[in-house]
C-alpha cells in the first residue's frame, strides 16, 4: 500500500493475483479472498476441492483432513459479522462480511509500543512490518511519534474542518479488523497525522503533496 500526493481511495487494495478458475469449477478464488456465498452454492465435493486448491495457490500449508468440515461449520455457517476463524500450522482463514480471507498468522502491534521516527530511513515495526517515507528530502521537519491503535482516535481529513472517528473512516475502506490491529499511527504532537498509508490527515496530505512525497506501509 502507499499513499501520498492523492487522498486515500475508497477501497483497500487487495492481492494482485488475478482471478483464476478453481478446479471445482463453480468456485473461483481471487487472491487471498473467496466469497462465502459462492462456496455455499457449490456442491460439497466442489467446495472441498475448491478450498484446497485456493490454499495451494497461496503457497500456504495444506488444509488438515478435517479442515473443510471445520470451515463449513465454523465459517461458512457463521454470521457475516462474527469474525469466525479457523487456524492450522501458523495459518488462518477468517470470515469477515461475505468473504473468507486466508494468510499466515501475523502479530498485532504490541500494546503500549511507541517510537519516534524522523523519516530519513525506513522504520522497522515490531510486528515485522515497515513504514517508509518516499521523499527526495531529508525526512520530516519534526519527528513523528508512532503508536498502535488504541481506539477513540480522531482525524481531520483533507477538505474537512471537523474531525472524524478513525474507526468510521476505516470501515468504508474495507480494512479488516485484524489489519487495523497492525496499523501504525503517525502523530504530530497530539494530532493524528496519518494511519499507515491508508488515511491521511489534512496536514499530512498537504505536507506530502508540497514535497512530492508519499508514505508506504508494508504489513508484518
C-alpha atoms as a PDB file:
ATOM      1  CA  UNK A   1       0.000   0.000   0.000  1.00  0.00           C
ATOM      2  CA  UNK A   2       1.107   3.560  -0.497  1.00  0.00           C
ATOM      3  CA  UNK A   3      -0.419   6.997  -0.177  1.00  0.00           C
ATOM      4  CA  UNK A   4       0.929  10.430  -0.783  1.00  0.00           C
ATOM      5  CA  UNK A   5       0.030  13.033  -3.326  1.00  0.00           C
ATOM      6  CA  UNK A   6      -3.599  11.935  -3.582  1.00  0.00           C
ATOM      7  CA  UNK A   7      -6.212  11.352  -0.862  1.00  0.00           C
ATOM      8  CA  UNK A   8      -6.890   7.748   0.159  1.00  0.00           C
ATOM      9  CA  UNK A   9      -9.114   5.820  -2.218  1.00  0.00           C
ATOM     10  CA  UNK A  10     -12.469   4.385  -1.294  1.00  0.00           C
ATOM     11  CA  UNK A  11     -11.322   0.819  -1.143  1.00  0.00           C
ATOM     12  CA  UNK A  12      -8.431  -1.095   0.311  1.00  0.00           C
ATOM     13  CA  UNK A  13      -6.071  -2.601  -2.263  1.00  0.00           C
ATOM     14  CA  UNK A  14      -6.154  -6.387  -2.310  1.00  0.00           C
ATOM     15  CA  UNK A  15      -3.990  -9.132  -3.753  1.00  0.00           C
ATOM     16  CA  UNK A  16      -2.808  -8.584  -7.314  1.00  0.00           C
ATOM     17  CA  UNK A  17      -3.285 -12.272  -8.046  1.00  0.00           C
ATOM     18  CA  UNK A  18      -5.724 -12.424 -10.941  1.00  0.00           C
ATOM     19  CA  UNK A  19      -8.982 -14.297 -10.503  1.00  0.00           C
ATOM     20  CA  UNK A  20      -8.403 -17.876 -11.595  1.00  0.00           C
ATOM     21  CA  UNK A  21     -10.805 -20.777 -12.027  1.00  0.00           C
ATOM     22  CA  UNK A  22     -10.572 -23.229  -9.163  1.00  0.00           C
ATOM     23  CA  UNK A  23     -10.616 -26.891 -10.171  1.00  0.00           C
ATOM     24  CA  UNK A  24     -14.010 -27.160  -8.530  1.00  0.00           C
ATOM     25  CA  UNK A  25     -15.433 -25.201 -11.444  1.00  0.00           C
ATOM     26  CA  UNK A  26     -18.166 -23.343  -9.615  1.00  0.00           C
ATOM     27  CA  UNK A  27     -15.782 -21.867  -7.045  1.00  0.00           C
ATOM     28  CA  UNK A  28     -13.412 -19.080  -8.018  1.00  0.00           C
ATOM     29  CA  UNK A  29     -10.508 -17.794  -5.965  1.00  0.00           C
ATOM     30  CA  UNK A  30      -9.353 -14.171  -6.098  1.00  0.00           C
ATOM     31  CA  UNK A  31      -6.027 -13.759  -4.344  1.00  0.00           C
ATOM     32  CA  UNK A  32      -6.288 -14.167  -0.593  1.00  0.00           C
ATOM     33  CA  UNK A  33     -10.109 -13.957  -0.562  1.00  0.00           C
ATOM     34  CA  UNK A  34     -13.030 -16.088  -1.668  1.00  0.00           C
ATOM     35  CA  UNK A  35     -16.742 -15.347  -1.436  1.00  0.00           C
ATOM     36  CA  UNK A  36     -18.621 -17.392   1.143  1.00  0.00           C
ATOM     37  CA  UNK A  37     -21.805 -17.277  -0.934  1.00  0.00           C
ATOM     38  CA  UNK A  38     -20.034 -18.876  -3.915  1.00  0.00           C
ATOM     39  CA  UNK A  39     -18.685 -21.641  -1.726  1.00  0.00           C
ATOM     40  CA  UNK A  40     -22.131 -22.413  -0.306  1.00  0.00           C
ATOM     41  CA  UNK A  41     -23.563 -22.545  -3.851  1.00  0.00           C
ATOM     42  CA  UNK A  42     -21.104 -25.297  -4.842  1.00  0.00           C
ATOM     43  CA  UNK A  43     -21.591 -28.962  -4.120  1.00  0.00           C
ATOM     44  CA  UNK A  44     -19.770 -30.449  -1.130  1.00  0.00           C
ATOM     45  CA  UNK A  45     -17.204 -32.123  -3.387  1.00  0.00           C
ATOM     46  CA  UNK A  46     -16.639 -28.927  -5.393  1.00  0.00           C
ATOM     47  CA  UNK A  47     -16.335 -26.928  -2.197  1.00  0.00           C
ATOM     48  CA  UNK A  48     -13.690 -29.259  -0.763  1.00  0.00           C
ATOM     49  CA  UNK A  49     -11.622 -29.271  -3.964  1.00  0.00           C
ATOM     50  CA  UNK A  50     -12.022 -25.518  -4.351  1.00  0.00           C
ATOM     51  CA  UNK A  51     -10.882 -24.740  -0.807  1.00  0.00           C
ATOM     52  CA  UNK A  52      -7.825 -26.971  -1.060  1.00  0.00           C
ATOM     53  CA  UNK A  53      -6.870 -25.525  -4.444  1.00  0.00           C
ATOM     54  CA  UNK A  54      -7.296 -21.958  -3.162  1.00  0.00           C
ATOM     55  CA  UNK A  55      -4.958 -22.612  -0.222  1.00  0.00           C
ATOM     56  CA  UNK A  56      -2.420 -24.245  -2.547  1.00  0.00           C
ATOM     57  CA  UNK A  57      -2.387 -21.225  -4.893  1.00  0.00           C
ATOM     58  CA  UNK A  58      -1.429 -19.033  -1.917  1.00  0.00           C
ATOM     59  CA  UNK A  59       1.535 -21.319  -1.041  1.00  0.00           C
ATOM     60  CA  UNK A  60       0.055 -21.928   2.412  1.00  0.00           C
ATOM     61  CA  UNK A  61       0.254 -25.242   4.307  1.00  0.00           C
ATOM     62  CA  UNK A  62      -2.324 -27.767   3.053  1.00  0.00           C
ATOM     63  CA  UNK A  63      -5.595 -27.906   4.926  1.00  0.00           C
ATOM     64  CA  UNK A  64      -5.698 -30.715   7.516  1.00  0.00           C
ATOM     65  CA  UNK A  65      -8.019 -33.645   6.905  1.00  0.00           C
ATOM     66  CA  UNK A  66     -10.809 -32.099   8.990  1.00  0.00           C
ATOM     67  CA  UNK A  67     -10.185 -28.579   7.659  1.00  0.00           C
ATOM     68  CA  UNK A  68     -13.004 -28.410   5.129  1.00  0.00           C
ATOM     69  CA  UNK A  69     -15.551 -29.662   7.681  1.00  0.00           C
ATOM     70  CA  UNK A  70     -14.366 -27.068  10.220  1.00  0.00           C
ATOM     71  CA  UNK A  71     -14.572 -24.270   7.630  1.00  0.00           C
ATOM     72  CA  UNK A  72     -18.107 -25.306   6.655  1.00  0.00           C
ATOM     73  CA  UNK A  73     -19.285 -25.490  10.268  1.00  0.00           C
ATOM     74  CA  UNK A  74     -17.372 -22.569  11.802  1.00  0.00           C
ATOM     75  CA  UNK A  75     -17.003 -20.049   8.978  1.00  0.00           C
ATOM     76  CA  UNK A  76     -19.499 -20.603   6.178  1.00  0.00           C
ATOM     77  CA  UNK A  77     -22.366 -21.093   8.620  1.00  0.00           C
ATOM     78  CA  UNK A  78     -21.336 -18.119  10.793  1.00  0.00           C
ATOM     79  CA  UNK A  79     -22.920 -14.681  10.815  1.00  0.00           C
ATOM     80  CA  UNK A  80     -21.129 -12.279   8.473  1.00  0.00           C
ATOM     81  CA  UNK A  81     -20.181 -10.094  11.471  1.00  0.00           C
ATOM     82  CA  UNK A  82     -18.982 -12.938  13.713  1.00  0.00           C
ATOM     83  CA  UNK A  83     -15.288 -12.745  12.652  1.00  0.00           C
ATOM     84  CA  UNK A  84     -15.061 -16.542  12.845  1.00  0.00           C
ATOM     85  CA  UNK A  85     -11.638 -18.140  12.265  1.00  0.00           C
ATOM     86  CA  UNK A  86     -10.010 -21.495  11.531  1.00  0.00           C
ATOM     87  CA  UNK A  87      -6.260 -21.808  12.189  1.00  0.00           C
ATOM     88  CA  UNK A  88      -3.650 -24.507  11.489  1.00  0.00           C
ATOM     89  CA  UNK A  89       0.165 -24.618  11.179  1.00  0.00           C
ATOM     90  CA  UNK A  90       0.617 -20.863  11.590  1.00  0.00           C
ATOM     91  CA  UNK A  91      -2.074 -20.140   9.003  1.00  0.00           C
ATOM     92  CA  UNK A  92      -5.565 -18.731   9.438  1.00  0.00           C
ATOM     93  CA  UNK A  93      -8.775 -18.386   7.439  1.00  0.00           C
ATOM     94  CA  UNK A  94     -11.094 -15.656   8.680  1.00  0.00           C
ATOM     95  CA  UNK A  95     -14.699 -14.890   7.820  1.00  0.00           C
ATOM     96  CA  UNK A  96     -15.421 -11.163   7.543  1.00  0.00           C
ATOM     97  CA  UNK A  97     -18.526  -9.834   5.872  1.00  0.00           C
ATOM     98  CA  UNK A  98     -19.162 -12.228   2.957  1.00  0.00           C
ATOM     99  CA  UNK A  99     -15.509 -13.097   2.362  1.00  0.00           C
ATOM    100  CA  UNK A 100     -13.087 -15.715   3.597  1.00  0.00           C
ATOM    101  CA  UNK A 101      -9.537 -14.371   3.970  1.00  0.00           C
ATOM    102  CA  UNK A 102      -6.518 -16.682   4.155  1.00  0.00           C
ATOM    103  CA  UNK A 103      -2.987 -15.768   5.209  1.00  0.00           C
ATOM    104  CA  UNK A 104      -0.198 -16.678   7.590  1.00  0.00           C
ATOM    105  CA  UNK A 105      -0.814 -15.563  11.160  1.00  0.00           C
ATOM    106  CA  UNK A 106       0.632 -12.103  11.761  1.00  0.00           C
ATOM    107  CA  UNK A 107       1.170 -10.464  15.160  1.00  0.00           C
ATOM    108  CA  UNK A 108      -0.551  -7.225  16.093  1.00  0.00           C
ATOM    109  CA  UNK A 109       1.479  -4.200  17.144  1.00  0.00           C
ATOM    110  CA  UNK A 110       2.201  -4.513  20.881  1.00  0.00           C
ATOM    111  CA  UNK A 111       0.044  -2.534  23.299  1.00  0.00           C
ATOM    112  CA  UNK A 112       1.973   0.391  24.703  1.00  0.00           C
ATOM    113  CA  UNK A 113       4.519   0.433  21.886  1.00  0.00           C
ATOM    114  CA  UNK A 114       5.648   3.822  20.620  1.00  0.00           C
ATOM    115  CA  UNK A 115       8.613   5.143  18.667  1.00  0.00           C
ATOM    116  CA  UNK A 116       9.977   8.391  17.298  1.00  0.00           C
ATOM    117  CA  UNK A 117      10.568   8.473  13.543  1.00  0.00           C
ATOM    118  CA  UNK A 118      12.205  11.258  11.532  1.00  0.00           C
ATOM    119  CA  UNK A 119      11.544   9.671   8.122  1.00  0.00           C
ATOM    120  CA  UNK A 120      15.179   9.666   6.959  1.00  0.00           C
ATOM    121  CA  UNK A 121      15.308   5.856   6.964  1.00  0.00           C
ATOM    122  CA  UNK A 122      12.631   3.138   6.848  1.00  0.00           C
ATOM    123  CA  UNK A 123      11.056   2.387  10.218  1.00  0.00           C
ATOM    124  CA  UNK A 124      11.069  -1.298  11.131  1.00  0.00           C
ATOM    125  CA  UNK A 125       7.895  -2.061  13.067  1.00  0.00           C
ATOM    126  CA  UNK A 126       7.861  -4.569  15.948  1.00  0.00           C
ATOM    127  CA  UNK A 127       5.471  -6.904  14.091  1.00  0.00           C
ATOM    128  CA  UNK A 128       7.922  -7.236  11.198  1.00  0.00           C
ATOM    129  CA  UNK A 129       6.274  -4.567   9.072  1.00  0.00           C
ATOM    130  CA  UNK A 130       7.893  -1.461   7.668  1.00  0.00           C
ATOM    131  CA  UNK A 131       6.993   2.192   7.201  1.00  0.00           C
ATOM    132  CA  UNK A 132       8.804   4.266   4.582  1.00  0.00           C
ATOM    133  CA  UNK A 133       8.739   7.952   3.690  1.00  0.00           C
ATOM    134  CA  UNK A 134       9.418   8.093  -0.034  1.00  0.00           C
ATOM    135  CA  UNK A 135      10.785  11.606  -0.462  1.00  0.00           C
ATOM    136  CA  UNK A 136      13.599  13.491  -2.163  1.00  0.00           C
ATOM    137  CA  UNK A 137      14.133  15.471   1.015  1.00  0.00           C
ATOM    138  CA  UNK A 138      15.760  14.590   4.312  1.00  0.00           C
ATOM    139  CA  UNK A 139      12.717  13.432   6.256  1.00  0.00           C
ATOM    140  CA  UNK A 140      10.098  15.149   8.368  1.00  0.00           C
ATOM    141  CA  UNK A 141      10.692  18.661   9.636  1.00  0.00           C
ATOM    142  CA  UNK A 142       9.545  17.418  13.056  1.00  0.00           C
ATOM    143  CA  UNK A 143       9.822  13.768  14.176  1.00  0.00           C
ATOM    144  CA  UNK A 144       6.628  11.732  14.183  1.00  0.00           C
ATOM    145  CA  UNK A 145       5.501   9.612  17.105  1.00  0.00           C
ATOM    146  CA  UNK A 146       4.332   6.128  16.084  1.00  0.00           C
ATOM    147  CA  UNK A 147       1.795   4.148  18.112  1.00  0.00           C
ATOM    148  CA  UNK A 148      -0.662   1.291  17.569  1.00  0.00           C
ATOM    149  CA  UNK A 149      -4.383   1.966  17.511  1.00  0.00           C
ATOM    150  CA  UNK A 150      -5.945   2.127  20.941  1.00  0.00           C
ATOM    151  CA  UNK A 151      -9.470   3.160  19.991  1.00  0.00           C
ATOM    152  CA  UNK A 152     -11.140   6.536  20.080  1.00  0.00           C
ATOM    153  CA  UNK A 153      -8.688   8.267  17.703  1.00  0.00           C
ATOM    154  CA  UNK A 154      -9.995  11.114  15.578  1.00  0.00           C
ATOM    155  CA  UNK A 155      -8.561  12.646  12.411  1.00  0.00           C
ATOM    156  CA  UNK A 156      -9.199  15.745  10.297  1.00  0.00           C
ATOM    157  CA  UNK A 157      -9.483  14.639   6.673  1.00  0.00           C
ATOM    158  CA  UNK A 158      -8.435  16.717   3.647  1.00  0.00           C
ATOM    159  CA  UNK A 159     -11.073  19.281   2.762  1.00  0.00           C
ATOM    160  CA  UNK A 160     -12.812  18.973   6.142  1.00  0.00           C
ATOM    161  CA  UNK A 161     -12.785  21.338   9.065  1.00  0.00           C
ATOM    162  CA  UNK A 162     -14.007  18.886  11.715  1.00  0.00           C
ATOM    163  CA  UNK A 163     -12.614  15.587  12.948  1.00  0.00           C
ATOM    164  CA  UNK A 164     -13.880  12.096  12.185  1.00  0.00           C
ATOM    165  CA  UNK A 165     -13.547   8.939  14.255  1.00  0.00           C
ATOM    166  CA  UNK A 166     -10.750   6.894  12.675  1.00  0.00           C
ATOM    167  CA  UNK A 167     -12.871   3.758  13.100  1.00  0.00           C
ATOM    168  CA  UNK A 168     -15.600   5.297  10.946  1.00  0.00           C
ATOM    169  CA  UNK A 169     -13.058   6.262   8.270  1.00  0.00           C
ATOM    170  CA  UNK A 170     -11.524   2.769   8.083  1.00  0.00           C
ATOM    171  CA  UNK A 171     -14.797   0.823   7.898  1.00  0.00           C
ATOM    172  CA  UNK A 172     -15.921   2.004   4.436  1.00  0.00           C
ATOM    173  CA  UNK A 173     -12.375   1.438   3.151  1.00  0.00           C
ATOM    174  CA  UNK A 174     -12.910  -2.270   3.758  1.00  0.00           C
ATOM    175  CA  UNK A 175      -9.954  -2.665   6.143  1.00  0.00           C
ATOM    176  CA  UNK A 176     -10.487  -5.930   8.071  1.00  0.00           C
ATOM    177  CA  UNK A 177     -10.250  -5.800  11.881  1.00  0.00           C
ATOM    178  CA  UNK A 178      -7.014  -7.838  12.041  1.00  0.00           C
ATOM    179  CA  UNK A 179      -5.278  -5.424   9.655  1.00  0.00           C
ATOM    180  CA  UNK A 180      -6.411  -2.498  11.783  1.00  0.00           C
ATOM    181  CA  UNK A 181      -4.569  -4.063  14.741  1.00  0.00           C
ATOM    182  CA  UNK A 182      -1.331  -3.833  12.740  1.00  0.00           C
ATOM    183  CA  UNK A 183      -1.928  -0.296  11.508  1.00  0.00           C
ATOM    184  CA  UNK A 184       0.747   2.159  12.744  1.00  0.00           C
ATOM    185  CA  UNK A 185      -0.488   5.638  13.602  1.00  0.00           C
ATOM    186  CA  UNK A 186       1.664   8.707  12.962  1.00  0.00           C
ATOM    187  CA  UNK A 187       1.201  11.588  15.389  1.00  0.00           C
ATOM    188  CA  UNK A 188       2.481  15.130  15.057  1.00  0.00           C
ATOM    189  CA  UNK A 189       2.478  16.248  18.654  1.00  0.00           C
ATOM    190  CA  UNK A 190      -1.083  15.452  19.766  1.00  0.00           C
ATOM    191  CA  UNK A 191      -2.674  15.404  16.294  1.00  0.00           C
ATOM    192  CA  UNK A 192      -3.190  12.252  14.261  1.00  0.00           C
ATOM    193  CA  UNK A 193      -1.225  12.851  11.037  1.00  0.00           C
ATOM    194  CA  UNK A 194      -1.780   9.542   9.242  1.00  0.00           C
ATOM    195  CA  UNK A 195      -2.925   5.952   9.757  1.00  0.00           C
ATOM    196  CA  UNK A 196      -0.310   3.886   7.955  1.00  0.00           C
ATOM    197  CA  UNK A 197      -0.626   4.785   4.311  1.00  0.00           C
ATOM    198  CA  UNK A 198      -4.387   4.221   4.302  1.00  0.00           C
ATOM    199  CA  UNK A 199      -5.653   7.525   5.725  1.00  0.00           C
ATOM    200  CA  UNK A 200      -4.010  10.932   5.637  1.00  0.00           C
ATOM    201  CA  UNK A 201      -4.968  13.948   7.694  1.00  0.00           C
ATOM    202  CA  UNK A 202      -5.424  17.319   6.027  1.00  0.00           C
ATOM    203  CA  UNK A 203      -2.000  18.368   7.338  1.00  0.00           C
ATOM    204  CA  UNK A 204      -0.373  15.122   6.241  1.00  0.00           C
ATOM    205  CA  UNK A 205      -1.882  15.278   2.772  1.00  0.00           C
ATOM    206  CA  UNK A 206      -0.773  18.899   2.294  1.00  0.00           C
ATOM    207  CA  UNK A 207       2.761  18.201   3.578  1.00  0.00           C
ATOM    208  CA  UNK A 208       3.259  15.214   1.280  1.00  0.00           C
ATOM    209  CA  UNK A 209       1.787  16.989  -1.748  1.00  0.00           C
ATOM    210  CA  UNK A 210       4.028  20.013  -1.268  1.00  0.00           C
ATOM    211  CA  UNK A 211       7.127  17.789  -1.341  1.00  0.00           C
ATOM    212  CA  UNK A 212       6.037  15.209  -3.901  1.00  0.00           C
ATOM    213  CA  UNK A 213       6.423  12.619  -1.151  1.00  0.00           C
ATOM    214  CA  UNK A 214       4.434   9.574  -0.118  1.00  0.00           C
ATOM    215  CA  UNK A 215       4.090   7.098   2.730  1.00  0.00           C
ATOM    216  CA  UNK A 216       4.346   3.358   2.157  1.00  0.00           C
ATOM    217  CA  UNK A 217       3.324   0.793   4.795  1.00  0.00           C
ATOM    218  CA  UNK A 218       4.151  -2.897   4.484  1.00  0.00           C
ATOM    219  CA  UNK A 219       2.342  -5.249   6.852  1.00  0.00           C
ATOM    220  CA  UNK A 220       4.421  -7.557   9.003  1.00  0.00           C
END
